[in-house]
Amino acid sequence: MYSTMECFSGECGLCRDCCVNTMTKFKYHDSVPNDLSERGNDLSKLMGKQYVEEVKDRYNKNLKMWCRKYKYEDPVCFGYAPEEIRENFSGKNEKFKIINKKHTSVCSDPYCRMLYFTSTEWEHKTRHSMLPMYNREGDNLKLCGPCLTNDSYKST
C-alpha cells in the first residue's frame, strides 16, 4: 500500500517513489541498509508520543524479565543467555550469535529502532550499548534478545 500523492520532498521515505526500490529488494528480516535506518524515526512520528511511551514501557518490562531469566548483566557478563540462537526466517534456518562486548548496534526491529530514535543521547551511550544484541551470521542484521526470542511487548 502506498500514497497516490506525489512526494513532497523527494526524501520522505513514505511514498511509493521513495520506497519502491527498497521495498522490492528488502523484506522485514533482511539486512536493513543505512538509508532505511530512519524508519524508526518515521514510525515514532506516525504513532505519536503516547503510543511510543506505551511500547517503551512494555519493552522495558520484557527486557527486565529476559535479563532475569538469563541472568544477563551486560555484554561481557551475559550469564546464561544463549551464545547462539537458531531461528527460522522465510524458510531458512538462520544462526544468530551474541555480541559479547559493548557495542553501538541498534536492533533492526522497527519498534526497537523507534525506541532508539526517541531516546536521549545519554541513553544511546549507556543503555543501548549494554542491551543483549545478536548478530545474524553472514550479514549485518542485528536483533536484541527480547526481539529474537519473544515479541510480546509489541501487542497491547
C-alpha atoms as a PDB file:
ATOM      1  CA  MET A   1       0.000   0.000   0.000  1.00  0.00           C
ATOM      2  CA  TYR A   2       1.316   3.448  -0.832  1.00  0.00           C
ATOM      3  CA  SER A   3       0.227   7.030  -1.202  1.00  0.00           C
ATOM      4  CA  THR A   4      -1.165   8.210  -4.540  1.00  0.00           C
ATOM      5  CA  MET A   5       0.129  11.709  -3.867  1.00  0.00           C
ATOM      6  CA  GLU A   6       3.404  12.942  -5.322  1.00  0.00           C
ATOM      7  CA  CYS A   7       6.335  13.054  -2.912  1.00  0.00           C
ATOM      8  CA  PHE A   8       6.546  16.433  -1.204  1.00  0.00           C
ATOM      9  CA  SER A   9      10.313  16.404  -0.733  1.00  0.00           C
ATOM     10  CA  GLY A  10      11.821  13.517  -2.640  1.00  0.00           C
ATOM     11  CA  GLU A  11      13.157  12.202   0.669  1.00  0.00           C
ATOM     12  CA  CYS A  12      10.049  11.482   2.759  1.00  0.00           C
ATOM     13  CA  GLY A  13      10.682   7.740   2.881  1.00  0.00           C
ATOM     14  CA  LEU A  14       6.942   7.063   2.991  1.00  0.00           C
ATOM     15  CA  CYS A  15       5.652   7.455  -0.556  1.00  0.00           C
ATOM     16  CA  ARG A  16       5.856   4.986  -3.440  1.00  0.00           C
ATOM     17  CA  ASP A  17       8.659   6.887  -5.203  1.00  0.00           C
ATOM     18  CA  CYS A  18      10.863   6.836  -2.106  1.00  0.00           C
ATOM     19  CA  CYS A  19      10.054   3.227  -1.164  1.00  0.00           C
ATOM     20  CA  VAL A  20       9.640   1.279  -4.390  1.00  0.00           C
ATOM     21  CA  ASN A  21      13.312   0.430  -4.883  1.00  0.00           C
ATOM     22  CA  THR A  22      13.945  -0.607  -1.305  1.00  0.00           C
ATOM     23  CA  MET A  23      10.630  -2.378  -0.727  1.00  0.00           C
ATOM     24  CA  THR A  24      11.179  -4.726  -3.657  1.00  0.00           C
ATOM     25  CA  LYS A  25      14.705  -5.634  -2.541  1.00  0.00           C
ATOM     26  CA  PHE A  26      14.273  -5.956   1.217  1.00  0.00           C
ATOM     27  CA  LYS A  27      11.890  -7.869   3.427  1.00  0.00           C
ATOM     28  CA  TYR A  28      11.475  -7.380   7.171  1.00  0.00           C
ATOM     29  CA  HIS A  29      14.193  -9.792   8.285  1.00  0.00           C
ATOM     30  CA  ASP A  30      16.739  -8.948   5.608  1.00  0.00           C
ATOM     31  CA  SER A  31      19.612  -6.565   6.188  1.00  0.00           C
ATOM     32  CA  VAL A  32      18.452  -3.000   6.600  1.00  0.00           C
ATOM     33  CA  PRO A  33      20.591  -0.536   4.631  1.00  0.00           C
ATOM     34  CA  ASN A  34      21.646   2.724   6.281  1.00  0.00           C
ATOM     35  CA  ASP A  35      19.201   4.845   4.276  1.00  0.00           C
ATOM     36  CA  LEU A  36      16.332   2.880   5.860  1.00  0.00           C
ATOM     37  CA  SER A  37      17.574   3.393   9.410  1.00  0.00           C
ATOM     38  CA  GLU A  38      15.373   6.477   9.730  1.00  0.00           C
ATOM     39  CA  ARG A  39      12.244   4.296   9.524  1.00  0.00           C
ATOM     40  CA  GLY A  40      12.203   4.123  13.321  1.00  0.00           C
ATOM     41  CA  ASN A  41      12.136   7.890  13.464  1.00  0.00           C
ATOM     42  CA  ASP A  42       9.287   7.984  10.940  1.00  0.00           C
ATOM     43  CA  LEU A  43       7.387   5.304  12.873  1.00  0.00           C
ATOM     44  CA  SER A  44       7.644   7.317  16.089  1.00  0.00           C
ATOM     45  CA  LYS A  45       6.170  10.355  14.332  1.00  0.00           C
ATOM     46  CA  LEU A  46       3.308   8.327  12.885  1.00  0.00           C
ATOM     47  CA  MET A  47       2.460   6.543  16.147  1.00  0.00           C
ATOM     48  CA  GLY A  48       2.626   9.536  18.445  1.00  0.00           C
ATOM     49  CA  LYS A  49       4.270  10.192  21.777  1.00  0.00           C
ATOM     50  CA  GLN A  50       1.732   8.341  23.948  1.00  0.00           C
ATOM     51  CA  TYR A  51       1.966   5.120  21.913  1.00  0.00           C
ATOM     52  CA  VAL A  52       5.765   5.301  21.894  1.00  0.00           C
ATOM     53  CA  GLU A  53       5.748   5.584  25.702  1.00  0.00           C
ATOM     54  CA  GLU A  54       3.428   2.562  25.983  1.00  0.00           C
ATOM     55  CA  VAL A  55       5.703   0.489  23.732  1.00  0.00           C
ATOM     56  CA  LYS A  56       8.753   1.650  25.697  1.00  0.00           C
ATOM     57  CA  ASP A  57       7.138   0.579  28.994  1.00  0.00           C
ATOM     58  CA  ARG A  58       6.228  -2.860  27.587  1.00  0.00           C
ATOM     59  CA  TYR A  59       9.684  -3.296  26.102  1.00  0.00           C
ATOM     60  CA  ASN A  60      11.398  -2.340  29.365  1.00  0.00           C
ATOM     61  CA  LYS A  61       9.279  -4.855  31.311  1.00  0.00           C
ATOM     62  CA  ASN A  62      10.018  -7.574  28.753  1.00  0.00           C
ATOM     63  CA  LEU A  63      13.737  -6.701  28.767  1.00  0.00           C
ATOM     64  CA  LYS A  64      13.818  -6.885  32.553  1.00  0.00           C
ATOM     65  CA  MET A  65      12.153 -10.324  32.505  1.00  0.00           C
ATOM     66  CA  TRP A  66      14.533 -11.504  29.768  1.00  0.00           C
ATOM     67  CA  CYS A  67      17.580 -10.338  31.746  1.00  0.00           C
ATOM     68  CA  ARG A  68      16.314 -12.014  34.919  1.00  0.00           C
ATOM     69  CA  LYS A  69      15.568 -15.253  33.087  1.00  0.00           C
ATOM     70  CA  TYR A  70      19.097 -15.471  31.643  1.00  0.00           C
ATOM     71  CA  LYS A  71      20.872 -13.584  34.485  1.00  0.00           C
ATOM     72  CA  TYR A  72      22.126 -11.122  31.877  1.00  0.00           C
ATOM     73  CA  GLU A  73      24.026  -8.149  33.300  1.00  0.00           C
ATOM     74  CA  ASP A  74      25.983  -6.731  30.371  1.00  0.00           C
ATOM     75  CA  PRO A  75      27.531  -7.892  27.077  1.00  0.00           C
ATOM     76  CA  VAL A  76      30.692  -9.137  28.797  1.00  0.00           C
ATOM     77  CA  CYS A  77      28.857 -10.939  31.615  1.00  0.00           C
ATOM     78  CA  PHE A  78      25.893 -12.343  29.702  1.00  0.00           C
ATOM     79  CA  GLY A  79      25.020 -15.000  32.267  1.00  0.00           C
ATOM     80  CA  TYR A  80      23.083 -17.920  30.818  1.00  0.00           C
ATOM     81  CA  ALA A  81      21.918 -16.099  27.710  1.00  0.00           C
ATOM     82  CA  PRO A  82      22.340 -18.356  24.695  1.00  0.00           C
ATOM     83  CA  GLU A  83      25.566 -17.660  22.798  1.00  0.00           C
ATOM     84  CA  GLU A  84      23.823 -18.817  19.625  1.00  0.00           C
ATOM     85  CA  ILE A  85      20.162 -18.831  18.679  1.00  0.00           C
ATOM     86  CA  ARG A  86      18.812 -20.557  15.595  1.00  0.00           C
ATOM     87  CA  GLU A  87      15.604 -19.130  14.156  1.00  0.00           C
ATOM     88  CA  ASN A  88      13.568 -19.951  11.077  1.00  0.00           C
ATOM     89  CA  PHE A  89      13.129 -16.850   8.874  1.00  0.00           C
ATOM     90  CA  SER A  90      11.484 -17.147   5.458  1.00  0.00           C
ATOM     91  CA  GLY A  91      12.033 -20.903   5.423  1.00  0.00           C
ATOM     92  CA  LYS A  92      15.740 -20.600   6.217  1.00  0.00           C
ATOM     93  CA  ASN A  93      17.372 -21.712   9.445  1.00  0.00           C
ATOM     94  CA  GLU A  94      19.344 -18.617  10.484  1.00  0.00           C
ATOM     95  CA  LYS A  95      22.051 -18.547  13.158  1.00  0.00           C
ATOM     96  CA  PHE A  96      22.464 -15.537  15.466  1.00  0.00           C
ATOM     97  CA  LYS A  97      25.488 -15.070  17.743  1.00  0.00           C
ATOM     98  CA  ILE A  98      25.531 -12.841  20.811  1.00  0.00           C
ATOM     99  CA  ILE A  99      27.709  -9.728  20.701  1.00  0.00           C
ATOM    100  CA  ASN A 100      29.856 -10.213  23.807  1.00  0.00           C
ATOM    101  CA  LYS A 101      31.296  -6.708  24.124  1.00  0.00           C
ATOM    102  CA  LYS A 102      29.993  -3.158  24.481  1.00  0.00           C
ATOM    103  CA  HIS A 103      28.508  -2.188  21.144  1.00  0.00           C
ATOM    104  CA  THR A 104      26.966   0.628  19.157  1.00  0.00           C
ATOM    105  CA  SER A 105      24.479  -1.689  17.434  1.00  0.00           C
ATOM    106  CA  VAL A 106      20.792  -0.927  17.140  1.00  0.00           C
ATOM    107  CA  CYS A 107      18.229  -3.693  16.816  1.00  0.00           C
ATOM    108  CA  SER A 108      16.851  -3.983  13.268  1.00  0.00           C
ATOM    109  CA  ASP A 109      13.289  -4.410  14.510  1.00  0.00           C
ATOM    110  CA  PRO A 110      11.244  -1.314  13.520  1.00  0.00           C
ATOM    111  CA  TYR A 111       9.822  -0.920  17.033  1.00  0.00           C
ATOM    112  CA  CYS A 112      13.275  -1.064  18.602  1.00  0.00           C
ATOM    113  CA  ARG A 113      14.508   1.500  16.095  1.00  0.00           C
ATOM    114  CA  MET A 114      11.563   3.686  17.060  1.00  0.00           C
ATOM    115  CA  LEU A 115      12.541   3.392  20.731  1.00  0.00           C
ATOM    116  CA  TYR A 116      16.175   4.172  19.868  1.00  0.00           C
ATOM    117  CA  PHE A 117      15.294   7.329  17.938  1.00  0.00           C
ATOM    118  CA  THR A 118      13.049   8.587  20.733  1.00  0.00           C
ATOM    119  CA  SER A 119      15.677   8.063  23.426  1.00  0.00           C
ATOM    120  CA  THR A 120      18.275  10.589  24.531  1.00  0.00           C
ATOM    121  CA  GLU A 121      21.938  10.714  23.537  1.00  0.00           C
ATOM    122  CA  TRP A 122      22.841   9.662  27.090  1.00  0.00           C
ATOM    123  CA  GLU A 123      20.663   6.535  26.736  1.00  0.00           C
ATOM    124  CA  HIS A 124      22.362   5.751  23.411  1.00  0.00           C
ATOM    125  CA  LYS A 125      25.789   5.743  25.071  1.00  0.00           C
ATOM    126  CA  THR A 126      24.863   3.987  28.289  1.00  0.00           C
ATOM    127  CA  ARG A 127      21.746   1.858  27.972  1.00  0.00           C
ATOM    128  CA  HIS A 128      21.717   0.818  24.321  1.00  0.00           C
ATOM    129  CA  SER A 129      25.374  -0.211  24.353  1.00  0.00           C
ATOM    130  CA  MET A 130      24.564  -2.720  27.106  1.00  0.00           C
ATOM    131  CA  LEU A 131      21.486  -4.382  25.558  1.00  0.00           C
ATOM    132  CA  PRO A 132      21.672  -8.089  24.735  1.00  0.00           C
ATOM    133  CA  MET A 133      22.290  -7.960  20.982  1.00  0.00           C
ATOM    134  CA  TYR A 134      22.590 -10.789  18.494  1.00  0.00           C
ATOM    135  CA  ASN A 135      24.184 -10.613  15.044  1.00  0.00           C
ATOM    136  CA  ARG A 136      22.943 -12.825  12.213  1.00  0.00           C
ATOM    137  CA  GLU A 137      25.741 -14.888  10.747  1.00  0.00           C
ATOM    138  CA  GLY A 138      26.656 -13.807   7.242  1.00  0.00           C
ATOM    139  CA  ASP A 139      25.314 -10.249   7.220  1.00  0.00           C
ATOM    140  CA  ASN A 140      24.730  -7.187   9.349  1.00  0.00           C
ATOM    141  CA  LEU A 141      21.230  -7.900  10.712  1.00  0.00           C
ATOM    142  CA  LYS A 142      21.117  -7.390  14.462  1.00  0.00           C
ATOM    143  CA  LEU A 143      18.272  -8.240  16.828  1.00  0.00           C
ATOM    144  CA  CYS A 144      18.125  -7.728  20.582  1.00  0.00           C
ATOM    145  CA  GLY A 145      17.470 -10.705  22.831  1.00  0.00           C
ATOM    146  CA  PRO A 146      13.820  -9.858  23.573  1.00  0.00           C
ATOM    147  CA  CYS A 147      13.021  -9.333  19.873  1.00  0.00           C
ATOM    148  CA  LEU A 148      14.748 -12.534  18.853  1.00  0.00           C
ATOM    149  CA  THR A 149      13.078 -14.711  21.471  1.00  0.00           C
ATOM    150  CA  ASN A 150       9.715 -13.028  22.186  1.00  0.00           C
ATOM    151  CA  ASP A 151       7.679 -10.285  20.504  1.00  0.00           C
ATOM    152  CA  SER A 152       5.067  -9.934  23.242  1.00  0.00           C
ATOM    153  CA  TYR A 153       5.928  -6.323  24.122  1.00  0.00           C
ATOM    154  CA  LYS A 154       4.515  -5.093  20.792  1.00  0.00           C
ATOM    155  CA  SER A 155       0.966  -6.264  21.392  1.00  0.00           C
ATOM    156  CA  THR A 156      -1.383  -4.298  23.585  1.00  0.00           C
END
